[in-house]
PDB file of N, CA and C in Angstrom:
ATOM      1  N   MET A   1      10.328   4.123  -0.877  1.00  0.00           N
ATOM      2  CA  MET A   1       9.023   3.541  -0.594  1.00  0.00           C
ATOM      3  C   MET A   1       9.185   2.602   0.596  1.00  0.00           C
ATOM      4  N   SER A   2       8.191   2.565   1.468  1.00  0.00           N
ATOM      5  CA  SER A   2       8.288   1.765   2.686  1.00  0.00           C
ATOM      6  C   SER A   2       8.245   0.267   2.375  1.00  0.00           C
ATOM      7  N   ALA A   3       8.728  -0.493   3.328  1.00  0.00           N
ATOM      8  CA  ALA A   3       8.730  -1.950   3.192  1.00  0.00           C
ATOM      9  C   ALA A   3       7.303  -2.487   3.094  1.00  0.00           C
ATOM     10  N   LEU A   4       6.382  -1.877   3.820  1.00  0.00           N
ATOM     11  CA  LEU A   4       4.989  -2.325   3.771  1.00  0.00           C
ATOM     12  C   LEU A   4       4.423  -2.162   2.363  1.00  0.00           C
ATOM     13  N   LEU A   5       4.677  -1.010   1.744  1.00  0.00           N
ATOM     14  CA  LEU A   5       4.166  -0.791   0.384  1.00  0.00           C
ATOM     15  C   LEU A   5       4.768  -1.788  -0.592  1.00  0.00           C
ATOM     16  N   LYS A   6       6.042  -2.083  -0.411  1.00  0.00           N
ATOM     17  CA  LYS A   6       6.692  -3.064  -1.282  1.00  0.00           C
ATOM     18  C   LYS A   6       6.145  -4.467  -1.035  1.00  0.00           C
ATOM     19  N   SER A   7       5.948  -4.822   0.243  1.00  0.00           N
ATOM     20  CA  SER A   7       5.453  -6.169   0.551  1.00  0.00           C
ATOM     21  C   SER A   7       4.030  -6.376   0.040  1.00  0.00           C
ATOM     22  N   LEU A   8       3.253  -5.307  -0.024  1.00  0.00           N
ATOM     23  CA  LEU A   8       1.888  -5.400  -0.548  1.00  0.00           C
ATOM     24  C   LEU A   8       1.832  -5.270  -2.066  1.00  0.00           C
ATOM     25  N   GLY A   9       2.973  -4.965  -2.685  1.00  0.00           N
ATOM     26  CA  GLY A   9       3.017  -4.831  -4.137  1.00  0.00           C
ATOM     27  C   GLY A   9       2.553  -3.485  -4.640  1.00  0.00           C
ATOM     28  N   ILE A  10       2.355  -2.549  -3.746  1.00  0.00           N
ATOM     29  CA  ILE A  10       1.854  -1.231  -4.139  1.00  0.00           C
ATOM     30  C   ILE A  10       2.882  -0.494  -4.988  1.00  0.00           C
ATOM     31  N   ASP A  11       4.140  -0.776  -4.778  1.00  0.00           N
ATOM     32  CA  ASP A  11       5.197  -0.122  -5.557  1.00  0.00           C
ATOM     33  C   ASP A  11       5.132  -0.500  -7.034  1.00  0.00           C
ATOM     34  N   ARG A  12       4.423  -1.566  -7.370  1.00  0.00           N
ATOM     35  CA  ARG A  12       4.299  -1.995  -8.771  1.00  0.00           C
ATOM     36  C   ARG A  12       3.066  -1.402  -9.460  1.00  0.00           C
ATOM     37  N   LEU A  13       2.244  -0.658  -8.718  1.00  0.00           N
ATOM     38  CA  LEU A  13       1.050  -0.050  -9.304  1.00  0.00           C
ATOM     39  C   LEU A  13       1.421   1.232 -10.037  1.00  0.00           C
ATOM     40  N   SER A  14       0.646   1.550 -11.042  1.00  0.00           N
ATOM     41  CA  SER A  14       0.828   2.821 -11.753  1.00  0.00           C
ATOM     42  C   SER A  14       0.366   3.960 -10.854  1.00  0.00           C
ATOM     43  N   VAL A  15       0.707   5.169 -11.225  1.00  0.00           N
ATOM     44  CA  VAL A  15       0.278   6.335 -10.463  1.00  0.00           C
ATOM     45  C   VAL A  15      -1.248   6.373 -10.388  1.00  0.00           C
ATOM     46  N   GLU A  16      -1.895   6.141 -11.501  1.00  0.00           N
ATOM     47  CA  GLU A  16      -3.362   6.161 -11.526  1.00  0.00           C
ATOM     48  C   GLU A  16      -3.940   5.090 -10.602  1.00  0.00           C
ATOM     49  N   GLU A  17      -3.353   3.899 -10.606  1.00  0.00           N
ATOM     50  CA  GLU A  17      -3.833   2.830  -9.728  1.00  0.00           C
ATOM     51  C   GLU A  17      -3.616   3.181  -8.255  1.00  0.00           C
ATOM     52  N   ARG A  18      -2.478   3.824  -7.952  1.00  0.00           N
ATOM     53  CA  ARG A  18      -2.220   4.227  -6.564  1.00  0.00           C
ATOM     54  C   ARG A  18      -3.193   5.317  -6.120  1.00  0.00           C
ATOM     55  N   LEU A  19      -3.515   6.262  -7.020  1.00  0.00           N
ATOM     56  CA  LEU A  19      -4.503   7.286  -6.686  1.00  0.00           C
ATOM     57  C   LEU A  19      -5.865   6.656  -6.415  1.00  0.00           C
ATOM     58  N   GLU A  20      -6.225   5.670  -7.216  1.00  0.00           N
ATOM     59  CA  GLU A  20      -7.496   4.974  -7.006  1.00  0.00           C
ATOM     60  C   GLU A  20      -7.477   4.236  -5.664  1.00  0.00           C
ATOM     61  N   LEU A  21      -6.338   3.641  -5.323  1.00  0.00           N
ATOM     62  CA  LEU A  21      -6.201   2.960  -4.040  1.00  0.00           C
ATOM     63  C   LEU A  21      -6.359   3.941  -2.885  1.00  0.00           C
ATOM     64  N   VAL A  22      -5.750   5.115  -3.024  1.00  0.00           N
ATOM     65  CA  VAL A  22      -5.883   6.138  -1.984  1.00  0.00           C
ATOM     66  C   VAL A  22      -7.354   6.525  -1.815  1.00  0.00           C
ATOM     67  N   GLU A  23      -8.053   6.706  -2.918  1.00  0.00           N
ATOM     68  CA  GLU A  23      -9.480   7.041  -2.851  1.00  0.00           C
ATOM     69  C   GLU A  23     -10.257   5.943  -2.143  1.00  0.00           C
ATOM     70  N   ASP A  24      -9.967   4.688  -2.498  1.00  0.00           N
ATOM     71  CA  ASP A  24     -10.665   3.566  -1.875  1.00  0.00           C
ATOM     72  C   ASP A  24     -10.372   3.491  -0.381  1.00  0.00           C
ATOM     73  N   LEU A  25      -9.106   3.700  -0.008  1.00  0.00           N
ATOM     74  CA  LEU A  25      -8.746   3.701   1.408  1.00  0.00           C
ATOM     75  C   LEU A  25      -9.468   4.822   2.148  1.00  0.00           C
ATOM     76  N   TRP A  26      -9.462   6.008   1.547  1.00  0.00           N
ATOM     77  CA  TRP A  26     -10.130   7.148   2.181  1.00  0.00           C
ATOM     78  C   TRP A  26     -11.616   6.864   2.365  1.00  0.00           C
ATOM     79  N   ASP A  27     -12.252   6.316   1.333  1.00  0.00           N
ATOM     80  CA  ASP A  27     -13.678   5.999   1.424  1.00  0.00           C
ATOM     81  C   ASP A  27     -13.949   4.969   2.518  1.00  0.00           C
ATOM     82  N   SER A  28     -13.060   3.976   2.659  1.00  0.00           N
ATOM     83  CA  SER A  28     -13.268   2.953   3.689  1.00  0.00           C
ATOM     84  C   SER A  28     -13.136   3.548   5.079  1.00  0.00           C
ATOM     85  N   ILE A  29     -12.227   4.493   5.251  1.00  0.00           N
ATOM     86  CA  ILE A  29     -12.073   5.167   6.537  1.00  0.00           C
ATOM     87  C   ILE A  29     -13.296   6.032   6.811  1.00  0.00           C
ATOM     88  N   ALA A  30     -13.748   6.761   5.812  1.00  0.00           N
ATOM     89  CA  ALA A  30     -14.914   7.622   5.974  1.00  0.00           C
ATOM     90  C   ALA A  30     -16.148   6.806   6.324  1.00  0.00           C
ATOM     91  N   ASP A  31     -16.304   5.640   5.692  1.00  0.00           N
ATOM     92  CA  ASP A  31     -17.453   4.785   5.971  1.00  0.00           C
ATOM     93  C   ASP A  31     -17.462   4.330   7.430  1.00  0.00           C
ATOM     94  N   GLU A  32     -16.290   3.968   7.944  1.00  0.00           N
ATOM     95  CA  GLU A  32     -16.193   3.488   9.322  1.00  0.00           C
ATOM     96  C   GLU A  32     -16.379   4.613  10.329  1.00  0.00           C
ATOM     97  N   ASN A  33     -16.020   5.810   9.951  1.00  0.00           N
ATOM     98  CA  ASN A  33     -16.087   6.939  10.871  1.00  0.00           C
ATOM     99  C   ASN A  33     -17.276   7.852  10.609  1.00  0.00           C
ATOM    100  N   ALA A  34     -18.253   7.370   9.860  1.00  0.00           N
ATOM    101  CA  ALA A  34     -19.398   8.204   9.502  1.00  0.00           C
ATOM    102  C   ALA A  34     -20.151   8.697  10.727  1.00  0.00           C
ATOM    103  N   ALA A  35     -20.142   7.917  11.782  1.00  0.00           N
ATOM    104  CA  ALA A  35     -20.887   8.291  12.979  1.00  0.00           C
ATOM    105  C   ALA A  35     -20.078   9.181  13.920  1.00  0.00           C
ATOM    106  N   THR A  36     -18.837   9.456  13.594  1.00  0.00           N
ATOM    107  CA  THR A  36     -17.998  10.280  14.445  1.00  0.00           C
ATOM    108  C   THR A  36     -18.509  11.713  14.463  1.00  0.00           C
ATOM    109  N   SER A  37     -18.584  12.271  15.648  1.00  0.00           N
ATOM    110  CA  SER A  37     -19.067  13.647  15.789  1.00  0.00           C
ATOM    111  C   SER A  37     -18.010  14.641  15.350  1.00  0.00           C
ATOM    112  N   LEU A  38     -18.465  15.754  14.830  1.00  0.00           N
ATOM    113  CA  LEU A  38     -17.573  16.844  14.451  1.00  0.00           C
ATOM    114  C   LEU A  38     -17.333  17.740  15.659  1.00  0.00           C
ATOM    115  N   THR A  39     -16.152  18.334  15.700  1.00  0.00           N
ATOM    116  CA  THR A  39     -15.902  19.342  16.721  1.00  0.00           C
ATOM    117  C   THR A  39     -16.625  20.619  16.298  1.00  0.00           C
ATOM    118  N   ASP A  40     -16.758  21.551  17.237  1.00  0.00           N
ATOM    119  CA  ASP A  40     -17.382  22.834  16.903  1.00  0.00           C
ATOM    120  C   ASP A  40     -16.600  23.549  15.808  1.00  0.00           C
ATOM    121  N   ALA A  41     -15.268  23.463  15.872  1.00  0.00           N
ATOM    122  CA  ALA A  41     -14.424  24.113  14.865  1.00  0.00           C
ATOM    123  C   ALA A  41     -14.619  23.472  13.492  1.00  0.00           C
ATOM    124  N   GLN A  42     -14.719  22.139  13.437  1.00  0.00           N
ATOM    125  CA  GLN A  42     -14.934  21.454  12.169  1.00  0.00           C
ATOM    126  C   GLN A  42     -16.301  21.815  11.584  1.00  0.00           C
ATOM    127  N   ARG A  43     -17.319  21.836  12.450  1.00  0.00           N
ATOM    128  CA  ARG A  43     -18.655  22.183  11.977  1.00  0.00           C
ATOM    129  C   ARG A  43     -18.686  23.620  11.451  1.00  0.00           C
ATOM    130  N   ALA A  44     -18.004  24.535  12.152  1.00  0.00           N
ATOM    131  CA  ALA A  44     -17.947  25.934  11.709  1.00  0.00           C
ATOM    132  C   ALA A  44     -17.246  26.041  10.357  1.00  0.00           C
ATOM    133  N   GLU A  45     -16.166  25.283  10.174  1.00  0.00           N
ATOM    134  CA  GLU A  45     -15.442  25.319   8.889  1.00  0.00           C
ATOM    135  C   GLU A  45     -16.304  24.764   7.768  1.00  0.00           C
ATOM    136  N   LEU A  46     -16.998  23.670   8.020  1.00  0.00           N
ATOM    137  CA  LEU A  46     -17.895  23.118   6.995  1.00  0.00           C
ATOM    138  C   LEU A  46     -19.016  24.089   6.665  1.00  0.00           C
ATOM    139  N   ASP A  47     -19.572  24.733   7.684  1.00  0.00           N
ATOM    140  CA  ASP A  47     -20.613  25.732   7.443  1.00  0.00           C
ATOM    141  C   ASP A  47     -20.077  26.896   6.617  1.00  0.00           C
ATOM    142  N   ARG A  48     -18.842  27.333   6.912  1.00  0.00           N
ATOM    143  CA  ARG A  48     -18.223  28.433   6.155  1.00  0.00           C
ATOM    144  C   ARG A  48     -18.043  28.028   4.691  1.00  0.00           C
ATOM    145  N   ARG A  49     -17.530  26.813   4.480  1.00  0.00           N
ATOM    146  CA  ARG A  49     -17.308  26.346   3.107  1.00  0.00           C
ATOM    147  C   ARG A  49     -18.621  26.199   2.344  1.00  0.00           C
ATOM    148  N   LEU A  50     -19.639  25.688   3.011  1.00  0.00           N
ATOM    149  CA  LEU A  50     -20.942  25.539   2.367  1.00  0.00           C
ATOM    150  C   LEU A  50     -21.514  26.903   1.998  1.00  0.00           C
ATOM    151  N   ALA A  51     -21.398  27.870   2.889  1.00  0.00           N
ATOM    152  CA  ALA A  51     -21.889  29.225   2.606  1.00  0.00           C
ATOM    153  C   ALA A  51     -21.131  29.835   1.434  1.00  0.00           C
ATOM    154  N   GLU A  52     -19.819  29.601   1.382  1.00  0.00           N
ATOM    155  CA  GLU A  52     -19.014  30.119   0.275  1.00  0.00           C
ATOM    156  C   GLU A  52     -19.440  29.479  -1.046  1.00  0.00           C
ATOM    157  N   TYR A  53     -19.678  28.168  -1.010  1.00  0.00           N
ATOM    158  CA  TYR A  53     -20.136  27.475  -2.217  1.00  0.00           C
ATOM    159  C   TYR A  53     -21.502  28.004  -2.658  1.00  0.00           C
ATOM    160  N   GLU A  54     -22.418  28.158  -1.707  1.00  0.00           N
ATOM    161  CA  GLU A  54     -23.762  28.634  -2.048  1.00  0.00           C
ATOM    162  C   GLU A  54     -23.733  30.051  -2.599  1.00  0.00           C
ATOM    163  N   ALA A  55     -22.769  30.862  -2.145  1.00  0.00           N
ATOM    164  CA  ALA A  55     -22.636  32.230  -2.654  1.00  0.00           C
ATOM    165  C   ALA A  55     -22.013  32.252  -4.046  1.00  0.00           C
ATOM    166  N   ASN A  56     -21.188  31.258  -4.364  1.00  0.00           N
ATOM    167  CA  ASN A  56     -20.476  31.200  -5.651  1.00  0.00           C
ATOM    168  C   ASN A  56     -20.510  29.782  -6.214  1.00  0.00           C
ATOM    169  N   PRO A  57     -21.678  29.256  -6.581  1.00  0.00           N
ATOM    170  CA  PRO A  57     -21.775  27.852  -7.000  1.00  0.00           C
ATOM    171  C   PRO A  57     -21.001  27.511  -8.274  1.00  0.00           C
ATOM    172  N   ASN A  58     -20.678  28.503  -9.088  1.00  0.00           N
ATOM    173  CA  ASN A  58     -19.940  28.218 -10.329  1.00  0.00           C
ATOM    174  C   ASN A  58     -18.437  28.329 -10.153  1.00  0.00           C
ATOM    175  N   ASP A  59     -17.999  28.683  -8.967  1.00  0.00           N
ATOM    176  CA  ASP A  59     -16.573  28.865  -8.698  1.00  0.00           C
ATOM    177  C   ASP A  59     -15.977  27.587  -8.106  1.00  0.00           C
ATOM    178  N   VAL A  60     -16.125  26.488  -8.842  1.00  0.00           N
ATOM    179  CA  VAL A  60     -15.639  25.188  -8.383  1.00  0.00           C
ATOM    180  C   VAL A  60     -14.894  24.485  -9.510  1.00  0.00           C
ATOM    181  N   VAL A  61     -14.074  23.526  -9.138  1.00  0.00           N
ATOM    182  CA  VAL A  61     -13.371  22.692 -10.111  1.00  0.00           C
ATOM    183  C   VAL A  61     -13.789  21.248  -9.846  1.00  0.00           C
ATOM    184  N   PRO A  62     -14.313  20.553 -10.844  1.00  0.00           N
ATOM    185  CA  PRO A  62     -14.730  19.163 -10.639  1.00  0.00           C
ATOM    186  C   PRO A  62     -13.552  18.273 -10.237  1.00  0.00           C
ATOM    187  N   TRP A  63     -13.824  17.280  -9.383  1.00  0.00           N
ATOM    188  CA  TRP A  63     -12.793  16.355  -8.912  1.00  0.00           C
ATOM    189  C   TRP A  63     -12.077  15.696 -10.091  1.00  0.00           C
ATOM    190  N   GLU A  64     -12.798  15.343 -11.129  1.00  0.00           N
ATOM    191  CA  GLU A  64     -12.178  14.679 -12.273  1.00  0.00           C
ATOM    192  C   GLU A  64     -11.085  15.558 -12.887  1.00  0.00           C
ATOM    193  N   ASP A  65     -11.313  16.879 -12.952  1.00  0.00           N
ATOM    194  CA  ASP A  65     -10.316  17.804 -13.497  1.00  0.00           C
ATOM    195  C   ASP A  65      -9.099  17.892 -12.584  1.00  0.00           C
ATOM    196  N   ILE A  66      -9.332  17.940 -11.288  1.00  0.00           N
ATOM    197  CA  ILE A  66      -8.223  18.008 -10.332  1.00  0.00           C
ATOM    198  C   ILE A  66      -7.394  16.728 -10.406  1.00  0.00           C
ATOM    199  N   LYS A  67      -8.070  15.587 -10.417  1.00  0.00           N
ATOM    200  CA  LYS A  67      -7.378  14.293 -10.483  1.00  0.00           C
ATOM    201  C   LYS A  67      -6.555  14.184 -11.771  1.00  0.00           C
ATOM    202  N   ALA A  68      -7.123  14.602 -12.891  1.00  0.00           N
ATOM    203  CA  ALA A  68      -6.405  14.547 -14.168  1.00  0.00           C
ATOM    204  C   ALA A  68      -5.174  15.447 -14.128  1.00  0.00           C
ATOM    205  N   SER A  69      -5.293  16.617 -13.529  1.00  0.00           N
ATOM    206  CA  SER A  69      -4.166  17.538 -13.423  1.00  0.00           C
ATOM    207  C   SER A  69      -3.045  16.949 -12.566  1.00  0.00           C
ATOM    208  N   ILE A  70      -3.412  16.364 -11.434  1.00  0.00           N
ATOM    209  CA  ILE A  70      -2.404  15.753 -10.553  1.00  0.00           C
ATOM    210  C   ILE A  70      -1.730  14.583 -11.249  1.00  0.00           C
ATOM    211  N   THR A  71      -2.522  13.745 -11.880  1.00  0.00           N
ATOM    212  CA  THR A  71      -1.975  12.579 -12.585  1.00  0.00           C
ATOM    213  C   THR A  71      -1.007  13.015 -13.680  1.00  0.00           C
ATOM    214  N   ALA A  72      -1.374  14.054 -14.442  1.00  0.00           N
ATOM    215  CA  ALA A  72      -0.508  14.553 -15.517  1.00  0.00           C
ATOM    216  C   ALA A  72       0.798  15.084 -14.944  1.00  0.00           C
ATOM    217  N   ARG A  73       0.738  15.814 -13.825  1.00  0.00           N
ATOM    218  CA  ARG A  73       1.962  16.355 -13.221  1.00  0.00           C
ATOM    219  C   ARG A  73       2.854  15.248 -12.699  1.00  0.00           C
ATOM    220  N   LEU A  74       2.281  14.205 -12.154  1.00  0.00           N
ATOM    221  CA  LEU A  74       3.090  13.102 -11.619  1.00  0.00           C
ATOM    222  C   LEU A  74       3.736  12.287 -12.725  1.00  0.00           C
ATOM    223  N   LYS A  75       3.097  12.220 -13.876  1.00  0.00           N
ATOM    224  CA  LYS A  75       3.643  11.468 -15.021  1.00  0.00           C
ATOM    225  C   LYS A  75       4.727  12.278 -15.733  1.00  0.00           C
ATOM    226  N   GLY A  76       4.601  13.621 -15.692  1.00  0.00           N
ATOM    227  CA  GLY A  76       5.456  14.496 -16.466  1.00  0.00           C
ATOM    228  C   GLY A  76       6.737  14.761 -15.817  1.00  0.00           C
TER     229      GLY A  76
END
């Protein structure tokens, strides 16, 4: 673990707490960059994913299930 993580005490957090921290960090970055323009390639990929979702709306896994699976694997 890096010195920065240790100096901030992050190394003492549980896996679940670190995952929550990652989510919070990601959200803070997304909030600051909300006005950032997408490239044509990014917009095309988002459009492709949206079309795929609209064609198969039941073919998804909720974030809570994914998070629980990752947390279980990291603990095990």
